[in-house]
């Protein structure tokens, strides 16, 4: 999926991770304030899992746009896919803020934006090799602290029955790529697709 250039059959371009470990379950809170586990989204479905934060000024809007595009492209098959977003900003990504962000993207009913405390989120980040750290150089005047998402991470497509993960380079890195157009957006992220 992802961005298509031209006609013909789409080919996957990226890294297939041959690690056959099962995706570890976790328990967080969704953007409606309900307890949520990865297992509940993984029952007979493909899970698209990504890590974002609602105050992110650069790569997160590009990833959110790409995830929304994937959801829209799936059409009638969208019910076979669970989109799960995990916060990397436990201080500012509250249930209310995650719900507002989901509404702004038109994804309130189409993804689960999961939040929690740093103690709850840290093991999830570690399981998926995500580093969430305060980036002192990326502070913005209106925002007290910017959190940095490891730019090498993007969206993982997980499927329990094959327990595989795949990532592909984000099209914004290519001339004419899609997903850009956001003020202050930078390329360099990665996104995978189902």
Protein backbone atom coordinates (compact mmCIF):
# COMPACT_ATOMS: atom_id res chain seq x y z
CA UNK A 1 0.00 0.00 0.00
CA UNK A 2 1.62 3.30 0.89
CA UNK A 3 2.12 5.72 -1.97
CA UNK A 4 1.74 4.44 -5.48
CA UNK A 5 3.52 5.98 -8.43
CA UNK A 6 2.09 5.12 -11.80
CA UNK A 7 -0.03 2.19 -12.88
CA UNK A 8 0.53 -1.49 -12.63
CA UNK A 9 0.90 -3.78 -9.70
CA UNK A 10 2.34 -2.23 -6.54
CA UNK A 11 5.46 -3.82 -5.15
CA UNK A 12 6.63 -3.71 -1.56
CA UNK A 13 9.78 -1.74 -1.06
CA UNK A 14 11.27 -1.99 2.40
CA UNK A 15 12.64 -4.29 5.00
CA UNK A 16 10.89 -7.47 6.04
CA UNK A 17 11.86 -8.18 9.60
CA UNK A 18 12.21 -11.91 10.05
CA UNK A 19 11.91 -11.76 13.82
CA UNK A 20 9.18 -14.31 14.59
CA UNK A 21 8.45 -13.15 18.13
CA UNK A 22 4.80 -12.60 18.94
CA UNK A 23 3.84 -8.98 19.49
CA UNK A 24 3.77 -8.45 23.27
CA UNK A 25 0.43 -7.48 24.76
CA UNK A 26 0.08 -4.24 26.71
CA UNK A 27 -2.66 -2.34 28.55
CA UNK A 28 -3.17 1.42 28.08
CA UNK A 29 -6.09 3.88 27.84
CA UNK A 30 -7.77 4.79 24.55
CA UNK A 31 -8.91 8.23 23.39
CA UNK A 32 -12.37 7.55 24.86
CA UNK A 33 -10.96 6.85 28.32
CA UNK A 34 -11.45 3.08 28.12
CA UNK A 35 -8.89 0.46 29.10
CA UNK A 36 -7.41 -1.08 25.96
CA UNK A 37 -5.03 -3.96 25.21
CA UNK A 38 -3.19 -4.86 22.03
CA UNK A 39 -4.79 -8.30 22.15
CA UNK A 40 -8.29 -6.84 21.78
CA UNK A 41 -7.29 -5.18 18.49
CA UNK A 42 -5.39 -8.24 17.29
CA UNK A 43 -8.28 -10.73 17.34
CA UNK A 44 -8.34 -12.04 13.77
CA UNK A 45 -7.13 -8.73 12.34
CA UNK A 46 -3.99 -7.17 11.02
CA UNK A 47 -2.78 -4.45 13.38
CA UNK A 48 -1.13 -1.32 12.06
CA UNK A 49 0.85 0.06 14.99
CA UNK A 50 2.54 3.43 15.09
CA UNK A 51 3.95 5.85 17.66
CA UNK A 52 2.94 9.53 17.59
CA UNK A 53 2.39 12.49 19.85
CA UNK A 54 -0.23 15.18 19.44
CA UNK A 55 2.12 18.17 19.75
CA UNK A 56 4.55 16.86 17.13
CA UNK A 57 5.33 19.58 14.56
CA UNK A 58 7.10 17.54 11.89
CA UNK A 59 6.91 13.83 11.09
CA UNK A 60 3.75 12.89 13.05
CA UNK A 61 1.34 14.78 10.75
CA UNK A 62 2.93 13.04 7.79
CA UNK A 63 2.58 9.62 9.42
CA UNK A 64 -1.01 10.41 10.55
CA UNK A 65 -1.90 11.47 7.01
CA UNK A 66 -0.39 8.29 5.60
CA UNK A 67 -2.22 6.08 8.11
CA UNK A 68 -5.51 7.85 7.30
CA UNK A 69 -4.85 7.33 3.58
CA UNK A 70 -4.21 3.63 4.16
CA UNK A 71 -7.50 3.38 6.09
CA UNK A 72 -9.40 5.13 3.28
CA UNK A 73 -7.74 3.01 0.59
CA UNK A 74 -8.79 -0.19 2.37
CA UNK A 75 -12.45 0.69 1.78
CA UNK A 76 -14.65 -2.29 2.63
CA UNK A 77 -11.62 -4.19 3.94
CA UNK A 78 -10.92 -1.56 6.63
CA UNK A 79 -12.83 -3.69 9.15
CA UNK A 80 -10.11 -6.35 8.83
CA UNK A 81 -7.45 -3.93 10.08
CA UNK A 82 -7.00 -2.31 13.50
CA UNK A 83 -5.03 0.92 13.54
CA UNK A 84 -3.37 1.51 16.89
CA UNK A 85 -1.48 4.68 17.78
CA UNK A 86 0.67 4.69 20.92
CA UNK A 87 1.68 8.01 22.46
CA UNK A 88 5.31 8.90 23.10
CA UNK A 89 4.37 11.98 25.18
CA UNK A 90 2.94 10.84 28.52
CA UNK A 91 2.99 14.35 29.99
CA UNK A 92 0.83 16.07 27.40
CA UNK A 93 -1.03 13.35 25.51
CA UNK A 94 -4.10 13.05 27.73
CA UNK A 95 -7.29 11.21 26.84
CA UNK A 96 -8.89 14.55 25.95
CA UNK A 97 -5.95 15.66 23.80
CA UNK A 98 -5.80 12.28 22.00
CA UNK A 99 -9.55 12.50 21.29
CA UNK A 100 -9.18 16.08 19.92
CA UNK A 101 -6.27 14.95 17.72
CA UNK A 102 -8.30 11.97 16.49
CA UNK A 103 -11.25 14.25 15.69
CA UNK A 104 -8.99 16.69 13.84
CA UNK A 105 -7.75 13.83 11.64
CA UNK A 106 -11.24 12.38 11.14
CA UNK A 107 -10.03 9.12 12.70
CA UNK A 108 -12.01 9.07 15.96
CA UNK A 109 -13.81 5.86 15.01
CA UNK A 110 -11.05 4.50 12.79
CA UNK A 111 -8.06 4.16 15.11
CA UNK A 112 -7.31 3.69 18.77
CA UNK A 113 -5.03 6.44 20.10
CA UNK A 114 -3.56 4.98 23.29
CA UNK A 115 -2.14 7.03 26.15
CA UNK A 116 -0.74 6.32 29.59
CA UNK A 117 1.82 7.29 32.17
CA UNK A 118 5.54 7.03 31.45
CA UNK A 119 5.63 3.88 33.59
CA UNK A 120 2.86 2.34 31.46
CA UNK A 121 4.25 3.47 28.11
CA UNK A 122 7.96 2.76 28.63
CA UNK A 123 7.68 -1.04 28.32
CA UNK A 124 5.67 -0.64 25.11
CA UNK A 125 8.31 1.68 23.64
CA UNK A 126 11.05 -0.77 24.63
CA UNK A 127 9.20 -3.69 23.01
CA UNK A 128 9.17 -1.86 19.68
CA UNK A 129 12.61 -0.22 19.94
CA UNK A 130 11.13 3.28 20.21
CA UNK A 131 13.14 5.94 22.01
CA UNK A 132 11.09 8.78 23.49
CA UNK A 133 13.37 11.50 24.86
CA UNK A 134 13.16 15.23 25.40
CA UNK A 135 14.87 17.00 22.52
CA UNK A 136 16.20 20.23 24.03
CA UNK A 137 17.07 21.65 20.61
CA UNK A 138 13.58 21.15 19.18
CA UNK A 139 11.74 23.34 21.67
CA UNK A 140 9.09 25.59 20.17
CA UNK A 141 8.11 28.90 21.78
CA UNK A 142 4.47 27.87 22.33
CA UNK A 143 5.30 24.35 23.51
CA UNK A 144 7.40 23.84 26.64
CA UNK A 145 9.06 20.58 25.52
CA UNK A 146 9.17 18.70 22.26
CA UNK A 147 9.47 14.94 22.42
CA UNK A 148 11.51 13.22 19.78
CA UNK A 149 10.38 10.04 18.09
CA UNK A 150 13.26 7.96 16.78
CA UNK A 151 13.04 8.88 13.10
CA UNK A 152 14.03 5.37 12.06
CA UNK A 153 10.73 4.07 13.40
CA UNK A 154 7.46 4.48 11.59
CA UNK A 155 4.48 2.23 11.24
CA UNK A 156 4.68 -1.48 11.89
CA UNK A 157 2.21 -3.86 10.33
CA UNK A 158 1.69 -6.75 12.71
CA UNK A 159 -0.21 -9.93 12.13
CA UNK A 160 -0.45 -12.43 14.95
CA UNK A 161 -0.70 -15.55 12.80
CA UNK A 162 2.59 -14.86 11.04
CA UNK A 163 4.07 -12.62 13.75
CA UNK A 164 5.97 -10.64 11.17
CA UNK A 165 6.68 -6.96 10.80
CA UNK A 166 7.37 -4.93 7.70
CA UNK A 167 8.54 -1.36 7.19
CA UNK A 168 8.95 0.65 4.05
CA UNK A 169 10.59 4.00 3.38
CA UNK A 170 8.27 6.98 3.55
CA UNK A 171 7.43 8.37 0.11
CA UNK A 172 8.14 11.93 1.28
CA UNK A 173 11.81 10.99 0.92
CA UNK A 174 11.38 10.63 -2.84
CA UNK A 175 10.86 13.49 -5.30
CA UNK A 176 7.13 13.83 -5.88
CA UNK A 177 6.39 11.68 -2.84
CA UNK A 178 3.05 11.91 -1.09
CA UNK A 179 2.27 12.72 2.51
CA UNK A 180 4.08 16.05 2.61
CA UNK A 181 2.69 19.52 2.41
CA UNK A 182 2.55 20.21 6.14
CA UNK A 183 4.14 23.43 7.39
CA UNK A 184 7.42 22.60 9.03
CA UNK A 185 7.25 19.01 7.84
CA UNK A 186 10.52 17.23 7.29
CA UNK A 187 11.19 14.09 5.40
CA UNK A 188 13.23 11.31 6.89
CA UNK A 189 10.47 9.30 8.54
CA UNK A 190 9.55 5.78 7.56
CA UNK A 191 6.16 4.26 7.09
CA UNK A 192 4.99 0.78 6.41
CA UNK A 193 1.66 -0.37 5.10
CA UNK A 194 -0.61 -3.33 5.11
